[in-house]
All heavy atoms as atom14 arrays in JSON, in Angstrom:
{
  "sequence": "VVRDVRAGEAVTRENVRSIRPAGGLPPDAIDEVTGRRFTRDAPLG",
  "atom14_mask": [
    [1, 1, 1, 1, 1, 1, 1, 0, 0, 0, 0, 0, 0, 0],
    [1, 1, 1, 1, 1, 1, 1, 0, 0, 0, 0, 0, 0, 0],
    [1, 1, 1, 1, 1, 1, 1, 1, 1, 1, 1, 0, 0, 0],
    [1, 1, 1, 1, 1, 1, 1, 1, 0, 0, 0, 0, 0, 0],
    [1, 1, 1, 1, 1, 1, 1, 0, 0, 0, 0, 0, 0, 0],
    [1, 1, 1, 1, 1, 1, 1, 1, 1, 1, 1, 0, 0, 0],
    [1, 1, 1, 1, 1, 0, 0, 0, 0, 0, 0, 0, 0, 0],
    [1, 1, 1, 1, 0, 0, 0, 0, 0, 0, 0, 0, 0, 0],
    [1, 1, 1, 1, 1, 1, 1, 1, 1, 0, 0, 0, 0, 0],
    [1, 1, 1, 1, 1, 0, 0, 0, 0, 0, 0, 0, 0, 0],
    [1, 1, 1, 1, 1, 1, 1, 0, 0, 0, 0, 0, 0, 0],
    [1, 1, 1, 1, 1, 1, 1, 0, 0, 0, 0, 0, 0, 0],
    [1, 1, 1, 1, 1, 1, 1, 1, 1, 1, 1, 0, 0, 0],
    [1, 1, 1, 1, 1, 1, 1, 1, 1, 0, 0, 0, 0, 0],
    [1, 1, 1, 1, 1, 1, 1, 1, 0, 0, 0, 0, 0, 0],
    [1, 1, 1, 1, 1, 1, 1, 0, 0, 0, 0, 0, 0, 0],
    [1, 1, 1, 1, 1, 1, 1, 1, 1, 1, 1, 0, 0, 0],
    [1, 1, 1, 1, 1, 1, 0, 0, 0, 0, 0, 0, 0, 0],
    [1, 1, 1, 1, 1, 1, 1, 1, 0, 0, 0, 0, 0, 0],
    [1, 1, 1, 1, 1, 1, 1, 1, 1, 1, 1, 0, 0, 0],
    [1, 1, 1, 1, 1, 1, 1, 0, 0, 0, 0, 0, 0, 0],
    [1, 1, 1, 1, 1, 0, 0, 0, 0, 0, 0, 0, 0, 0],
    [1, 1, 1, 1, 0, 0, 0, 0, 0, 0, 0, 0, 0, 0],
    [1, 1, 1, 1, 0, 0, 0, 0, 0, 0, 0, 0, 0, 0],
    [1, 1, 1, 1, 1, 1, 1, 1, 0, 0, 0, 0, 0, 0],
    [1, 1, 1, 1, 1, 1, 1, 0, 0, 0, 0, 0, 0, 0],
    [1, 1, 1, 1, 1, 1, 1, 0, 0, 0, 0, 0, 0, 0],
    [1, 1, 1, 1, 1, 1, 1, 1, 0, 0, 0, 0, 0, 0],
    [1, 1, 1, 1, 1, 0, 0, 0, 0, 0, 0, 0, 0, 0],
    [1, 1, 1, 1, 1, 1, 1, 1, 0, 0, 0, 0, 0, 0],
    [1, 1, 1, 1, 1, 1, 1, 1, 0, 0, 0, 0, 0, 0],
    [1, 1, 1, 1, 1, 1, 1, 1, 1, 0, 0, 0, 0, 0],
    [1, 1, 1, 1, 1, 1, 1, 0, 0, 0, 0, 0, 0, 0],
    [1, 1, 1, 1, 1, 1, 1, 0, 0, 0, 0, 0, 0, 0],
    [1, 1, 1, 1, 0, 0, 0, 0, 0, 0, 0, 0, 0, 0],
    [1, 1, 1, 1, 1, 1, 1, 1, 1, 1, 1, 0, 0, 0],
    [1, 1, 1, 1, 1, 1, 1, 1, 1, 1, 1, 0, 0, 0],
    [1, 1, 1, 1, 1, 1, 1, 1, 1, 1, 1, 0, 0, 0],
    [1, 1, 1, 1, 1, 1, 1, 0, 0, 0, 0, 0, 0, 0],
    [1, 1, 1, 1, 1, 1, 1, 1, 1, 1, 1, 0, 0, 0],
    [1, 1, 1, 1, 1, 1, 1, 1, 0, 0, 0, 0, 0, 0],
    [1, 1, 1, 1, 1, 0, 0, 0, 0, 0, 0, 0, 0, 0],
    [1, 1, 1, 1, 1, 1, 1, 0, 0, 0, 0, 0, 0, 0],
    [1, 1, 1, 1, 1, 1, 1, 1, 0, 0, 0, 0, 0, 0],
    [1, 1, 1, 1, 0, 0, 0, 0, 0, 0, 0, 0, 0, 0]
  ],
  "atom14_positions": [
    [[2.87, 19.81, 4.75], [2.73, 20.87, 5.75], [1.66, 20.41, 6.74], [0.54, 20.08, 6.34], [2.33, 22.21, 5.09], [2.09, 23.27, 6.15], [3.39, 22.66, 4.09], [0.0, 0.0, 0.0], [0.0, 0.0, 0.0], [0.0, 0.0, 0.0], [0.0, 0.0, 0.0], [0.0, 0.0, 0.0], [0.0, 0.0, 0.0], [0.0, 0.0, 0.0]],
    [[2.03, 20.35, 8.01], [1.11, 19.78, 8.99], [0.54, 20.84, 9.95], [-0.16, 20.49, 10.9], [1.8, 18.65, 9.79], [2.12, 17.48, 8.87], [3.06, 19.16, 10.49], [0.0, 0.0, 0.0], [0.0, 0.0, 0.0], [0.0, 0.0, 0.0], [0.0, 0.0, 0.0], [0.0, 0.0, 0.0], [0.0, 0.0, 0.0], [0.0, 0.0, 0.0]],
    [[0.87, 22.15, 9.69], [0.15, 23.22, 10.39], [0.27, 24.46, 9.5], [1.16, 24.54, 8.64], [0.73, 23.46, 11.78], [2.03, 24.21, 11.84], [2.46, 24.47, 13.27], [3.61, 25.37, 13.26], [4.53, 25.4, 14.19], [4.44, 24.57, 15.22], [5.53, 26.26, 14.12], [0.0, 0.0, 0.0], [0.0, 0.0, 0.0], [0.0, 0.0, 0.0]],
    [[-0.63, 25.4, 9.66], [-0.61, 26.6, 8.82], [0.72, 27.33, 8.97], [1.23, 27.51, 10.09], [-1.75, 27.55, 9.22], [-3.12, 26.93, 8.99], [-3.2, 25.93, 8.24], [-4.11, 27.44, 9.55], [0.0, 0.0, 0.0], [0.0, 0.0, 0.0], [0.0, 0.0, 0.0], [0.0, 0.0, 0.0], [0.0, 0.0, 0.0], [0.0, 0.0, 0.0]],
    [[1.3, 27.74, 7.83], [2.58, 28.46, 7.85], [2.45, 29.73, 7.01], [1.57, 29.86, 6.16], [3.73, 27.59, 7.3], [3.97, 26.38, 8.19], [3.46, 27.14, 5.87], [0.0, 0.0, 0.0], [0.0, 0.0, 0.0], [0.0, 0.0, 0.0], [0.0, 0.0, 0.0], [0.0, 0.0, 0.0], [0.0, 0.0, 0.0], [0.0, 0.0, 0.0]],
    [[3.36, 30.71, 7.29], [3.4, 31.98, 6.56], [4.64, 32.04, 5.68], [5.65, 31.38, 5.95], [3.45, 33.16, 7.55], [2.26, 33.26, 8.47], [1.03, 33.71, 7.71], [-0.11, 33.95, 8.58], [-1.3, 34.3, 8.13], [-1.5, 34.46, 6.84], [-2.3, 34.49, 8.98], [0.0, 0.0, 0.0], [0.0, 0.0, 0.0], [0.0, 0.0, 0.0]],
    [[4.56, 32.87, 4.63], [5.72, 33.1, 3.77], [6.88, 33.6, 4.62], [6.71, 34.44, 5.51], [5.38, 34.1, 2.67], [0.0, 0.0, 0.0], [0.0, 0.0, 0.0], [0.0, 0.0, 0.0], [0.0, 0.0, 0.0], [0.0, 0.0, 0.0], [0.0, 0.0, 0.0], [0.0, 0.0, 0.0], [0.0, 0.0, 0.0], [0.0, 0.0, 0.0]],
    [[8.09, 33.08, 4.37], [9.28, 33.47, 5.1], [9.54, 32.64, 6.33], [10.64, 32.7, 6.9], [0.0, 0.0, 0.0], [0.0, 0.0, 0.0], [0.0, 0.0, 0.0], [0.0, 0.0, 0.0], [0.0, 0.0, 0.0], [0.0, 0.0, 0.0], [0.0, 0.0, 0.0], [0.0, 0.0, 0.0], [0.0, 0.0, 0.0], [0.0, 0.0, 0.0]],
    [[8.55, 31.87, 6.79], [8.74, 31.03, 7.97], [9.65, 29.85, 7.62], [9.65, 29.34, 6.5], [7.37, 30.52, 8.44], [7.41, 29.77, 9.77], [6.01, 29.38, 10.25], [5.01, 30.0, 9.8], [5.94, 28.42, 11.05], [0.0, 0.0, 0.0], [0.0, 0.0, 0.0], [0.0, 0.0, 0.0], [0.0, 0.0, 0.0], [0.0, 0.0, 0.0]],
    [[10.46, 29.43, 8.58], [11.4, 28.34, 8.34], [10.67, 26.99, 8.35], [9.7, 26.79, 9.09], [12.49, 28.34, 9.39], [0.0, 0.0, 0.0], [0.0, 0.0, 0.0], [0.0, 0.0, 0.0], [0.0, 0.0, 0.0], [0.0, 0.0, 0.0], [0.0, 0.0, 0.0], [0.0, 0.0, 0.0], [0.0, 0.0, 0.0], [0.0, 0.0, 0.0]],
    [[11.18, 26.09, 7.52], [10.7, 24.7, 7.54], [11.32, 24.01, 8.75], [12.54, 24.04, 8.94], [11.1, 23.96, 6.25], [10.68, 22.49, 6.33], [10.49, 24.63, 5.02], [0.0, 0.0, 0.0], [0.0, 0.0, 0.0], [0.0, 0.0, 0.0], [0.0, 0.0, 0.0], [0.0, 0.0, 0.0], [0.0, 0.0, 0.0], [0.0, 0.0, 0.0]],
    [[10.46, 23.4, 9.57], [10.93, 22.67, 10.74], [10.27, 21.29, 10.76], [9.33, 21.01, 10.0], [10.57, 23.4, 12.04], [9.14, 23.36, 12.21], [11.04, 24.85, 12.01], [0.0, 0.0, 0.0], [0.0, 0.0, 0.0], [0.0, 0.0, 0.0], [0.0, 0.0, 0.0], [0.0, 0.0, 0.0], [0.0, 0.0, 0.0], [0.0, 0.0, 0.0]],
    [[10.75, 20.46, 11.69], [10.13, 19.13, 11.82], [8.8, 19.2, 12.54], [8.09, 18.19, 12.63], [11.08, 18.19, 12.54], [12.33, 17.86, 11.7], [13.31, 16.96, 12.44], [14.49, 16.68, 11.63], [14.66, 15.62, 10.85], [13.69, 14.73, 10.76], [15.77, 15.46, 10.17], [0.0, 0.0, 0.0], [0.0, 0.0, 0.0], [0.0, 0.0, 0.0]],
    [[8.44, 20.4, 13.01], [7.13, 20.57, 13.64], [6.07, 20.98, 12.62], [4.9, 20.68, 12.79], [7.2, 21.62, 14.74], [7.87, 21.14, 16.03], [9.36, 20.92, 15.85], [10.0, 21.78, 15.2], [9.87, 19.89, 16.31], [0.0, 0.0, 0.0], [0.0, 0.0, 0.0], [0.0, 0.0, 0.0], [0.0, 0.0, 0.0], [0.0, 0.0, 0.0]],
    [[6.48, 21.71, 11.54], [5.47, 22.14, 10.57], [5.5, 21.32, 9.26], [4.64, 21.45, 8.41], [5.58, 23.64, 10.25], [6.95, 24.05, 9.74], [7.66, 23.26, 9.15], [7.31, 25.32, 9.99], [0.0, 0.0, 0.0], [0.0, 0.0, 0.0], [0.0, 0.0, 0.0], [0.0, 0.0, 0.0], [0.0, 0.0, 0.0], [0.0, 0.0, 0.0]],
    [[6.48, 20.44, 9.12], [6.54, 19.52, 7.98], [6.88, 18.13, 8.5], [7.83, 17.96, 9.25], [7.61, 19.98, 6.95], [7.83, 18.87, 5.9], [7.19, 21.26, 6.27], [0.0, 0.0, 0.0], [0.0, 0.0, 0.0], [0.0, 0.0, 0.0], [0.0, 0.0, 0.0], [0.0, 0.0, 0.0], [0.0, 0.0, 0.0], [0.0, 0.0, 0.0]],
    [[6.05, 17.17, 8.11], [6.29, 15.78, 8.53], [5.98, 14.82, 7.38], [5.28, 15.16, 6.43], [5.4, 15.41, 9.72], [5.87, 16.0, 11.04], [5.19, 15.35, 12.25], [3.76, 15.57, 12.33], [2.82, 14.64, 12.22], [3.15, 13.37, 11.98], [1.54, 14.95, 12.33], [0.0, 0.0, 0.0], [0.0, 0.0, 0.0], [0.0, 0.0, 0.0]],
    [[6.48, 13.59, 7.55], [6.14, 12.5, 6.63], [4.81, 11.9, 7.08], [4.7, 11.37, 8.19], [7.23, 11.42, 6.68], [6.78, 10.24, 6.05], [0.0, 0.0, 0.0], [0.0, 0.0, 0.0], [0.0, 0.0, 0.0], [0.0, 0.0, 0.0], [0.0, 0.0, 0.0], [0.0, 0.0, 0.0], [0.0, 0.0, 0.0], [0.0, 0.0, 0.0]],
    [[3.81, 12.02, 6.22], [2.48, 11.47, 6.52], [1.92, 10.84, 5.24], [2.48, 10.97, 4.15], [1.51, 12.56, 7.03], [1.25, 13.62, 5.94], [2.02, 13.2, 8.31], [0.1, 14.54, 6.26], [0.0, 0.0, 0.0], [0.0, 0.0, 0.0], [0.0, 0.0, 0.0], [0.0, 0.0, 0.0], [0.0, 0.0, 0.0], [0.0, 0.0, 0.0]],
    [[0.81, 10.17, 5.36], [0.03, 9.79, 4.21], [-0.9, 10.94, 3.87], [-1.37, 11.62, 4.79], [-0.79, 8.53, 4.5], [0.06, 7.3, 4.79], [-0.83, 6.09, 4.96], [-0.05, 4.89, 5.3], [-0.57, 3.67, 5.36], [-1.85, 3.49, 5.08], [0.17, 2.64, 5.69], [0.0, 0.0, 0.0], [0.0, 0.0, 0.0], [0.0, 0.0, 0.0]],
    [[-1.2, 11.25, 2.59], [-0.99, 10.48, 1.36], [0.28, 10.88, 0.64], [1.12, 11.63, 1.16], [-2.22, 10.85, 0.54], [-2.44, 12.3, 0.9], [-2.1, 12.4, 2.36], [0.0, 0.0, 0.0], [0.0, 0.0, 0.0], [0.0, 0.0, 0.0], [0.0, 0.0, 0.0], [0.0, 0.0, 0.0], [0.0, 0.0, 0.0], [0.0, 0.0, 0.0]],
    [[0.41, 10.38, -0.63], [1.5, 10.79, -1.51], [1.2, 12.19, -2.05], [0.17, 12.79, -1.74], [1.64, 9.79, -2.66], [0.0, 0.0, 0.0], [0.0, 0.0, 0.0], [0.0, 0.0, 0.0], [0.0, 0.0, 0.0], [0.0, 0.0, 0.0], [0.0, 0.0, 0.0], [0.0, 0.0, 0.0], [0.0, 0.0, 0.0], [0.0, 0.0, 0.0]],
    [[2.11, 12.69, -2.86], [1.9, 14.0, -3.47], [2.96, 15.02, -3.12], [3.2, 15.97, -3.86], [0.0, 0.0, 0.0], [0.0, 0.0, 0.0], [0.0, 0.0, 0.0], [0.0, 0.0, 0.0], [0.0, 0.0, 0.0], [0.0, 0.0, 0.0], [0.0, 0.0, 0.0], [0.0, 0.0, 0.0], [0.0, 0.0, 0.0], [0.0, 0.0, 0.0]],
    [[3.63, 14.84, -1.95], [4.7, 15.74, -1.56], [6.06, 15.17, -1.87], [6.18, 14.11, -2.5], [0.0, 0.0, 0.0], [0.0, 0.0, 0.0], [0.0, 0.0, 0.0], [0.0, 0.0, 0.0], [0.0, 0.0, 0.0], [0.0, 0.0, 0.0], [0.0, 0.0, 0.0], [0.0, 0.0, 0.0], [0.0, 0.0, 0.0], [0.0, 0.0, 0.0]],
    [[7.09, 15.84, -1.43], [8.44, 15.34, -1.62], [8.63, 14.04, -0.85], [7.93, 13.77, 0.14], [9.45, 16.38, -1.13], [9.51, 17.69, -1.93], [10.44, 18.69, -1.25], [9.95, 17.43, -3.36], [0.0, 0.0, 0.0], [0.0, 0.0, 0.0], [0.0, 0.0, 0.0], [0.0, 0.0, 0.0], [0.0, 0.0, 0.0], [0.0, 0.0, 0.0]],
    [[9.59, 13.19, -1.27], [9.79, 11.93, -0.57], [10.24, 12.15, 0.87], [10.93, 13.14, 1.17], [10.87, 11.22, -1.4], [11.53, 12.29, -2.19], [10.49, 13.33, -2.44], [0.0, 0.0, 0.0], [0.0, 0.0, 0.0], [0.0, 0.0, 0.0], [0.0, 0.0, 0.0], [0.0, 0.0, 0.0], [0.0, 0.0, 0.0], [0.0, 0.0, 0.0]],
    [[9.89, 11.24, 1.78], [10.25, 11.41, 3.19], [11.75, 11.6, 3.42], [12.15, 12.32, 4.34], [9.75, 10.11, 3.84], [8.6, 9.7, 2.99], [8.99, 10.07, 1.59], [0.0, 0.0, 0.0], [0.0, 0.0, 0.0], [0.0, 0.0, 0.0], [0.0, 0.0, 0.0], [0.0, 0.0, 0.0], [0.0, 0.0, 0.0], [0.0, 0.0, 0.0]],
    [[12.57, 11.02, 2.58], [14.01, 11.11, 2.77], [14.57, 12.51, 2.5], [15.73, 12.79, 2.8], [14.72, 10.09, 1.87], [16.14, 9.82, 2.31], [16.38, 9.74, 3.53], [17.02, 9.71, 1.44], [0.0, 0.0, 0.0], [0.0, 0.0, 0.0], [0.0, 0.0, 0.0], [0.0, 0.0, 0.0], [0.0, 0.0, 0.0], [0.0, 0.0, 0.0]],
    [[13.72, 13.41, 1.97], [14.16, 14.78, 1.7], [14.07, 15.68, 2.92], [14.42, 16.86, 2.86], [13.34, 15.37, 0.55], [0.0, 0.0, 0.0], [0.0, 0.0, 0.0], [0.0, 0.0, 0.0], [0.0, 0.0, 0.0], [0.0, 0.0, 0.0], [0.0, 0.0, 0.0], [0.0, 0.0, 0.0], [0.0, 0.0, 0.0], [0.0, 0.0, 0.0]],
    [[13.63, 15.14, 4.06], [13.37, 15.98, 5.23], [14.62, 16.75, 5.67], [14.55, 17.94, 6.01], [12.8, 15.15, 6.4], [12.4, 16.05, 7.57], [13.76, 14.06, 6.82], [11.27, 16.99, 7.25], [0.0, 0.0, 0.0], [0.0, 0.0, 0.0], [0.0, 0.0, 0.0], [0.0, 0.0, 0.0], [0.0, 0.0, 0.0], [0.0, 0.0, 0.0]],
    [[15.79, 16.13, 5.65], [17.01, 16.83, 6.08], [17.37, 17.96, 5.11], [17.9, 19.0, 5.52], [18.18, 15.86, 6.19], [18.03, 14.9, 7.38], [17.31, 15.26, 8.33], [18.62, 13.81, 7.34], [0.0, 0.0, 0.0], [0.0, 0.0, 0.0], [0.0, 0.0, 0.0], [0.0, 0.0, 0.0], [0.0, 0.0, 0.0], [0.0, 0.0, 0.0]],
    [[17.07, 17.76, 3.84], [17.43, 18.74, 2.82], [16.53, 19.98, 2.89], [16.94, 21.08, 2.55], [17.37, 18.1, 1.44], [17.98, 18.96, 0.34], [18.07, 18.23, -0.99], [17.75, 17.01, -1.04], [18.46, 18.87, -1.98], [0.0, 0.0, 0.0], [0.0, 0.0, 0.0], [0.0, 0.0, 0.0], [0.0, 0.0, 0.0], [0.0, 0.0, 0.0]],
    [[15.28, 19.81, 3.31], [14.34, 20.94, 3.31], [14.31, 21.67, 4.66], [13.91, 22.83, 4.73], [12.92, 20.49, 2.92], [12.93, 19.86, 1.53], [12.33, 19.53, 3.95], [0.0, 0.0, 0.0], [0.0, 0.0, 0.0], [0.0, 0.0, 0.0], [0.0, 0.0, 0.0], [0.0, 0.0, 0.0], [0.0, 0.0, 0.0], [0.0, 0.0, 0.0]],
    [[14.69, 20.98, 5.73], [14.65, 21.6, 7.05], [15.57, 22.84, 7.07], [16.72, 22.77, 6.65], [15.08, 20.61, 8.14], [14.18, 19.49, 8.14], [15.07, 21.27, 9.51], [0.0, 0.0, 0.0], [0.0, 0.0, 0.0], [0.0, 0.0, 0.0], [0.0, 0.0, 0.0], [0.0, 0.0, 0.0], [0.0, 0.0, 0.0], [0.0, 0.0, 0.0]],
    [[15.03, 23.98, 7.55], [15.78, 25.23, 7.63], [15.55, 26.16, 6.45], [15.85, 27.36, 6.53], [0.0, 0.0, 0.0], [0.0, 0.0, 0.0], [0.0, 0.0, 0.0], [0.0, 0.0, 0.0], [0.0, 0.0, 0.0], [0.0, 0.0, 0.0], [0.0, 0.0, 0.0], [0.0, 0.0, 0.0], [0.0, 0.0, 0.0], [0.0, 0.0, 0.0]],
    [[15.01, 25.63, 5.36], [14.67, 26.51, 4.23], [13.43, 27.32, 4.59], [12.75, 27.04, 5.58], [14.44, 25.69, 2.96], [15.71, 24.93, 2.5], [15.48, 24.28, 1.16], [16.66, 23.49, 0.75], [17.14, 23.46, -0.48], [16.57, 24.2, -1.43], [18.18, 22.72, -0.77], [0.0, 0.0, 0.0], [0.0, 0.0, 0.0], [0.0, 0.0, 0.0]],
    [[13.1, 28.3, 3.76], [11.99, 29.21, 4.04], [10.84, 28.96, 3.06], [11.07, 28.66, 1.88], [12.46, 30.65, 3.92], [13.66, 30.96, 4.83], [13.23, 31.71, 6.06], [14.29, 31.83, 7.04], [14.07, 32.0, 8.32], [12.83, 32.09, 8.76], [15.08, 32.1, 9.17], [0.0, 0.0, 0.0], [0.0, 0.0, 0.0], [0.0, 0.0, 0.0]],
    [[9.62, 29.1, 3.59], [8.45, 29.0, 2.72], [8.37, 30.23, 1.82], [8.6, 31.37, 2.26], [7.17, 28.88, 3.56], [7.01, 27.54, 4.22], [7.38, 27.35, 5.55], [6.53, 26.46, 3.5], [7.25, 26.11, 6.16], [6.38, 25.22, 4.1], [6.75, 25.04, 5.43], [0.0, 0.0, 0.0], [0.0, 0.0, 0.0], [0.0, 0.0, 0.0]],
    [[8.05, 30.03, 0.55], [7.93, 31.13, -0.42], [6.57, 31.79, -0.36], [6.38, 32.89, -0.9], [8.18, 30.62, -1.85], [7.23, 29.58, -2.14], [9.6, 30.08, -1.98], [0.0, 0.0, 0.0], [0.0, 0.0, 0.0], [0.0, 0.0, 0.0], [0.0, 0.0, 0.0], [0.0, 0.0, 0.0], [0.0, 0.0, 0.0], [0.0, 0.0, 0.0]],
    [[5.6, 31.12, 0.26], [4.25, 31.68, 0.35], [3.52, 31.04, 1.52], [3.99, 30.05, 2.08], [3.46, 31.46, -0.95], [3.25, 30.0, -1.31], [2.46, 29.86, -2.63], [2.14, 28.48, -2.93], [2.91, 27.65, -3.59], [4.1, 28.06, -4.0], [2.51, 26.4, -3.82], [0.0, 0.0, 0.0], [0.0, 0.0, 0.0], [0.0, 0.0, 0.0]],
    [[2.37, 31.61, 1.85], [1.53, 31.01, 2.89], [1.06, 29.63, 2.41], [0.8, 29.43, 1.22], [0.32, 31.88, 3.18], [0.69, 33.24, 3.76], [1.88, 33.44, 4.1], [-0.22, 34.09, 3.87], [0.0, 0.0, 0.0], [0.0, 0.0, 0.0], [0.0, 0.0, 0.0], [0.0, 0.0, 0.0], [0.0, 0.0, 0.0], [0.0, 0.0, 0.0]],
    [[0.91, 28.72, 3.37], [0.4, 27.39, 3.04], [-0.38, 26.84, 4.23], [0.11, 26.86, 5.36], [1.54, 26.44, 2.69], [0.0, 0.0, 0.0], [0.0, 0.0, 0.0], [0.0, 0.0, 0.0], [0.0, 0.0, 0.0], [0.0, 0.0, 0.0], [0.0, 0.0, 0.0], [0.0, 0.0, 0.0], [0.0, 0.0, 0.0], [0.0, 0.0, 0.0]],
    [[-1.58, 26.37, 3.98], [-2.38, 25.81, 5.08], [-1.98, 24.37, 5.38], [-1.35, 23.68, 4.57], [-3.81, 25.87, 4.52], [-3.64, 25.71, 3.04], [-2.35, 26.41, 2.7], [0.0, 0.0, 0.0], [0.0, 0.0, 0.0], [0.0, 0.0, 0.0], [0.0, 0.0, 0.0], [0.0, 0.0, 0.0], [0.0, 0.0, 0.0], [0.0, 0.0, 0.0]],
    [[-2.38, 23.89, 6.57], [-2.23, 22.49, 6.94], [-2.79, 21.61, 5.81], [-3.84, 21.91, 5.25], [-2.99, 22.23, 8.24], [-3.13, 20.78, 8.73], [-3.15, 20.74, 10.26], [-4.4, 20.14, 8.19], [0.0, 0.0, 0.0], [0.0, 0.0, 0.0], [0.0, 0.0, 0.0], [0.0, 0.0, 0.0], [0.0, 0.0, 0.0], [0.0, 0.0, 0.0]],
    [[-2.08, 20.53, 5.5], [-2.57, 19.61, 4.46], [-2.05, 19.93, 3.08], [-2.49, 19.3, 2.11], [0.0, 0.0, 0.0], [0.0, 0.0, 0.0], [0.0, 0.0, 0.0], [0.0, 0.0, 0.0], [0.0, 0.0, 0.0], [0.0, 0.0, 0.0], [0.0, 0.0, 0.0], [0.0, 0.0, 0.0], [0.0, 0.0, 0.0], [0.0, 0.0, 0.0]]
  ]
}
């Protein structure tokens, strides 16, 4: 998550990106997650 998001907000290429470090889903999952909704608030990082 590369900017603060709220629960219910859609996953977009603007609020989720492939960056360093590890710990998140693999970069190749970006097409699969885009358009889904966040289940809770999440801060940048």
